[in-house]
Amino acid sequence: MKSRATNLRKRGLSLRYIENKLKIPRSTLSCWLKDIKLSTEQKNKLFNNWKKGLINARKKAAQWHIDDGNKRRSTIKKDVEKFTSGLEIDKKTGELLLAMFYLAEGGKTENSFVIANSNPNILKGVINLYRYLYKLDESKFRCALHLRNDQDEKILKEFWSKILNIPENKFTKTQFDKRTIKKTYNHYKGVCVVNYFDMALQRRILYLGDEILKIINNNMGA
């Protein structure tokens, strides 16, 4: 067995290869083969093979992490879908949800309902909830876009108008960020600010939010 190991080593093969081939412990091979000198060409070949192996190992590790992450995300998503299956939002629950959204994203100092976001689904959800809960006067809606300097105002007005079901003539002057340097990604649609002029409704939502926080902090606080 030693002679076989010696022959393989003289051919320039790595200790790892010989270990796997002959099923001999690395410590034994190191002792047997320590006096065998490899040529410069053989050393370079082993080094290059080692680098390739390291690159492949890193790729496999990266792919494993990606696959594992996708698997965990899929499990969580399925669990959430099961949890929300058949969920219905009544008026009371809806107002509580709206109040929490508004606490996080809404205007607190203005005398009207003001909320802004760059995520179309979030803003659409809030406005749909607002309409579901209250009898609104659609003429009181106003919108304003905050865009990067290289974005197309006309296209984005059409986009947000359709998403929110608010006519384009309710959109006020668009604000552009003149500091724009890098090209804007296509998926970014700017920030849309929605304003509904009703101070009483805004105050109701803010008061609801305050009450929810009191309940949370009084009953669940440390």
Protein backbone atom coordinates (compact mmCIF):
# COMPACT_ATOMS: atom_id res chain seq x y z
CA MET A 1 0.00 0.00 0.00
CA LYS A 2 2.89 2.35 0.79
CA SER A 3 4.39 1.74 -2.66
CA ARG A 4 1.07 2.61 -4.31
CA ALA A 5 0.87 5.80 -2.31
CA THR A 6 4.48 6.64 -3.23
CA ASN A 7 3.80 6.13 -6.96
CA LEU A 8 0.72 8.32 -6.86
CA ARG A 9 2.58 11.07 -5.05
CA LYS A 10 5.47 10.96 -7.52
CA ARG A 11 2.94 11.50 -10.28
CA GLY A 12 2.16 14.82 -8.62
CA LEU A 13 -1.18 13.89 -7.08
CA SER A 14 -2.40 15.60 -3.93
CA LEU A 15 -2.48 14.04 -0.48
CA ARG A 16 -6.26 14.52 -0.45
CA TYR A 17 -6.62 12.53 -3.67
CA ILE A 18 -4.36 9.72 -2.39
CA GLU A 19 -6.18 9.69 0.95
CA ASN A 20 -9.56 9.27 -0.76
CA LYS A 21 -8.22 6.79 -3.31
CA LEU A 22 -6.45 4.43 -0.90
CA LYS A 23 -8.49 5.11 2.25
CA ILE A 24 -5.32 5.81 4.23
CA PRO A 25 -5.32 8.48 6.99
CA ARG A 26 -3.67 11.78 6.09
CA SER A 27 -1.30 11.52 9.05
CA THR A 28 0.07 8.19 7.76
CA LEU A 29 0.48 9.53 4.23
CA SER A 30 2.32 12.61 5.50
CA CYS A 31 4.81 10.35 7.27
CA TRP A 32 5.26 8.02 4.30
CA LEU A 33 5.59 10.70 1.64
CA LYS A 34 7.41 13.53 3.43
CA ASP A 35 10.68 12.91 1.59
CA ILE A 36 9.17 12.92 -1.91
CA LYS A 37 10.03 16.12 -3.75
CA LEU A 38 7.63 17.46 -6.34
CA SER A 39 8.71 19.36 -9.42
CA THR A 40 7.86 23.02 -9.84
CA GLU A 41 5.38 22.07 -12.54
CA GLN A 42 3.69 19.56 -10.24
CA LYS A 43 3.54 22.08 -7.39
CA ASN A 44 2.01 24.71 -9.67
CA LYS A 45 -0.55 22.22 -10.92
CA LEU A 46 -1.51 21.26 -7.35
CA PHE A 47 -1.76 24.93 -6.39
CA ASN A 48 -3.98 25.73 -9.37
CA ASN A 49 -6.18 22.71 -8.61
CA TRP A 50 -6.42 23.90 -5.00
CA LYS A 51 -7.54 27.36 -6.14
CA LYS A 52 -10.15 25.88 -8.47
CA GLY A 53 -11.39 23.65 -5.67
CA LEU A 54 -11.64 26.62 -3.33
CA ILE A 55 -13.62 28.63 -5.89
CA ASN A 56 -15.99 25.71 -6.48
CA ALA A 57 -16.40 25.18 -2.74
CA ARG A 58 -17.30 28.84 -2.27
CA LYS A 59 -19.82 28.67 -5.12
CA LYS A 60 -21.39 25.56 -3.61
CA ALA A 61 -21.54 27.19 -0.17
CA ALA A 62 -23.11 30.34 -1.62
CA GLN A 63 -25.68 28.28 -3.53
CA TRP A 64 -26.44 26.25 -0.41
CA HIS A 65 -27.14 29.45 1.52
CA ILE A 66 -29.38 30.72 -1.30
CA ASP A 67 -31.29 27.42 -1.48
CA ASP A 68 -31.58 27.24 2.30
CA GLY A 69 -32.82 30.83 2.46
CA ASN A 70 -35.38 30.17 -0.27
CA LYS A 71 -36.56 27.06 1.56
CA ARG A 72 -36.97 28.94 4.85
CA ARG A 73 -38.77 31.83 3.13
CA SER A 74 -41.10 29.37 1.40
CA THR A 75 -41.92 27.72 4.72
CA ILE A 76 -42.66 31.07 6.36
CA LYS A 77 -44.78 32.19 3.40
CA LYS A 78 -46.86 29.02 3.51
CA ASP A 79 -47.33 29.40 7.25
CA VAL A 80 -48.53 32.99 6.82
CA GLU A 81 -50.86 32.03 3.98
CA LYS A 82 -52.36 29.34 6.21
CA PHE A 83 -52.66 31.81 9.09
CA THR A 84 -54.47 34.44 6.97
CA SER A 85 -56.65 31.98 5.06
CA GLY A 86 -60.27 33.09 5.34
CA LEU A 87 -59.32 36.27 7.19
CA GLU A 88 -61.96 39.00 6.94
CA ILE A 89 -61.48 42.62 8.01
CA ASP A 90 -64.53 44.17 9.62
CA LYS A 91 -64.95 47.90 10.24
CA LYS A 92 -63.50 47.86 13.74
CA THR A 93 -60.44 45.85 12.79
CA GLY A 94 -60.05 48.00 9.70
CA GLU A 95 -59.97 51.21 11.72
CA LEU A 96 -57.35 49.76 14.05
CA LEU A 97 -55.21 48.73 11.09
CA LEU A 98 -55.58 52.15 9.49
CA ALA A 99 -54.65 53.87 12.74
CA MET A 100 -51.45 51.81 13.02
CA PHE A 101 -50.53 52.50 9.41
CA TYR A 102 -51.13 56.18 9.97
CA LEU A 103 -49.04 56.26 13.15
CA ALA A 104 -46.14 54.86 11.14
CA GLU A 105 -46.49 56.75 7.86
CA GLY A 106 -49.05 59.53 8.22
CA GLY A 107 -48.73 63.25 8.81
CA LYS A 108 -49.17 64.29 12.44
CA THR A 109 -49.02 68.09 12.27
CA GLU A 110 -51.20 68.86 9.24
CA ASN A 111 -54.92 69.48 9.68
CA SER A 112 -55.81 66.80 7.15
CA PHE A 113 -55.22 63.14 6.43
CA VAL A 114 -51.78 62.97 4.78
CA ILE A 115 -49.85 59.83 3.97
CA ALA A 116 -46.85 59.26 1.71
CA ASN A 117 -45.03 56.21 0.45
CA SER A 118 -42.93 54.93 -2.44
CA ASN A 119 -44.51 51.48 -2.29
CA PRO A 120 -47.62 51.45 -4.52
CA ASN A 121 -49.16 48.43 -2.76
CA ILE A 122 -48.87 50.00 0.68
CA LEU A 123 -50.37 53.30 -0.42
CA LYS A 124 -53.11 51.58 -2.40
CA GLY A 125 -53.94 49.41 0.60
CA VAL A 126 -54.19 52.39 2.95
CA ILE A 127 -56.39 54.40 0.57
CA ASN A 128 -58.63 51.38 -0.12
CA LEU A 129 -58.99 50.87 3.63
CA TYR A 130 -59.77 54.56 4.08
CA ARG A 131 -62.52 54.39 1.47
CA TYR A 132 -63.91 51.17 2.93
CA LEU A 133 -64.22 52.65 6.42
CA TYR A 134 -65.60 56.10 5.74
CA LYS A 135 -67.99 57.81 3.40
CA LEU A 136 -65.59 60.09 1.59
CA ASP A 137 -65.99 63.09 -0.64
CA GLU A 138 -63.63 62.17 -3.49
CA SER A 139 -63.23 65.82 -4.45
CA LYS A 140 -61.23 66.35 -1.23
CA PHE A 141 -58.35 64.17 -2.44
CA ARG A 142 -55.12 65.78 -3.58
CA CYS A 143 -51.88 64.08 -4.59
CA ALA A 144 -48.33 65.26 -5.15
CA LEU A 145 -45.38 63.37 -6.56
CA HIS A 146 -41.78 63.65 -5.40
CA LEU A 147 -39.59 62.32 -8.20
CA ARG A 148 -35.96 62.01 -9.10
CA ASN A 149 -34.77 64.41 -11.76
CA ASP A 150 -34.59 61.79 -14.52
CA GLN A 151 -38.12 60.43 -14.05
CA ASP A 152 -41.03 61.03 -16.43
CA GLU A 153 -43.73 63.06 -14.68
CA LYS A 154 -46.49 62.25 -17.18
CA ILE A 155 -45.96 58.48 -17.04
CA LEU A 156 -45.77 58.41 -13.26
CA LYS A 157 -48.86 60.57 -12.82
CA GLU A 158 -50.75 58.09 -14.96
CA PHE A 159 -49.30 55.22 -12.93
CA TRP A 160 -50.23 56.60 -9.50
CA SER A 161 -53.60 57.89 -10.71
CA LYS A 162 -54.54 54.39 -11.89
CA ILE A 163 -53.18 52.66 -8.77
CA LEU A 164 -55.01 54.96 -6.34
CA ASN A 165 -58.08 55.61 -8.50
CA ILE A 166 -57.60 59.35 -8.09
CA PRO A 167 -57.95 61.52 -11.24
CA GLU A 168 -54.82 63.18 -12.61
CA ASN A 169 -56.44 66.60 -12.23
CA LYS A 170 -56.20 66.07 -8.46
CA PHE A 171 -52.39 65.95 -8.69
CA THR A 172 -50.64 69.17 -7.74
CA LYS A 173 -47.21 70.37 -8.83
CA THR A 174 -44.57 67.65 -8.89
CA GLN A 175 -41.38 68.15 -6.90
CA PHE A 176 -38.11 66.98 -8.48
CA ASP A 177 -34.93 66.08 -6.62
CA LYS A 178 -32.24 67.98 -8.53
CA ARG A 179 -29.52 66.13 -6.65
CA THR A 180 -30.17 63.04 -8.80
CA ILE A 181 -26.86 61.64 -10.05
CA LYS A 182 -27.26 57.95 -10.74
CA LYS A 183 -29.88 56.65 -13.19
CA THR A 184 -33.11 55.75 -11.43
CA TYR A 185 -34.15 52.09 -11.41
CA ASN A 186 -37.34 51.35 -13.37
CA HIS A 187 -39.07 49.77 -10.38
CA TYR A 188 -38.84 53.01 -8.36
CA LYS A 189 -41.97 55.10 -8.98
CA GLY A 190 -41.09 58.04 -6.77
CA VAL A 191 -42.93 59.05 -3.60
CA CYS A 192 -46.63 59.82 -3.79
CA VAL A 193 -48.19 62.04 -1.13
CA VAL A 194 -51.95 61.65 -0.68
CA ASN A 195 -53.87 64.35 1.13
CA TYR A 196 -57.53 64.15 2.11
CA PHE A 197 -58.85 67.42 3.53
CA ASP A 198 -60.82 66.36 6.58
CA MET A 199 -59.37 67.37 9.94
CA ALA A 200 -61.99 65.49 11.94
CA LEU A 201 -61.18 62.15 10.31
CA GLN A 202 -57.45 62.70 10.77
CA ARG A 203 -57.95 63.45 14.46
CA ARG A 204 -60.11 60.35 14.91
CA ILE A 205 -57.40 58.17 13.36
CA LEU A 206 -54.67 59.78 15.47
CA TYR A 207 -56.72 59.37 18.66
CA LEU A 208 -57.33 55.72 17.78
CA GLY A 209 -53.61 55.22 17.32
CA ASP A 210 -52.89 56.80 20.69
CA GLU A 211 -55.44 54.55 22.39
CA ILE A 212 -54.00 51.44 20.78
CA LEU A 213 -50.53 52.39 22.00
CA LYS A 214 -51.88 52.93 25.53
CA ILE A 215 -53.43 49.47 25.53
CA ILE A 216 -50.24 47.88 24.22
CA ASN A 217 -47.96 49.72 26.64
CA ASN A 218 -50.21 49.23 29.67
CA ASN A 219 -50.89 45.54 29.12
CA MET A 220 -47.81 44.27 27.33
CA GLY A 221 -45.04 46.55 28.55
CA ALA A 222 -42.01 45.36 30.50
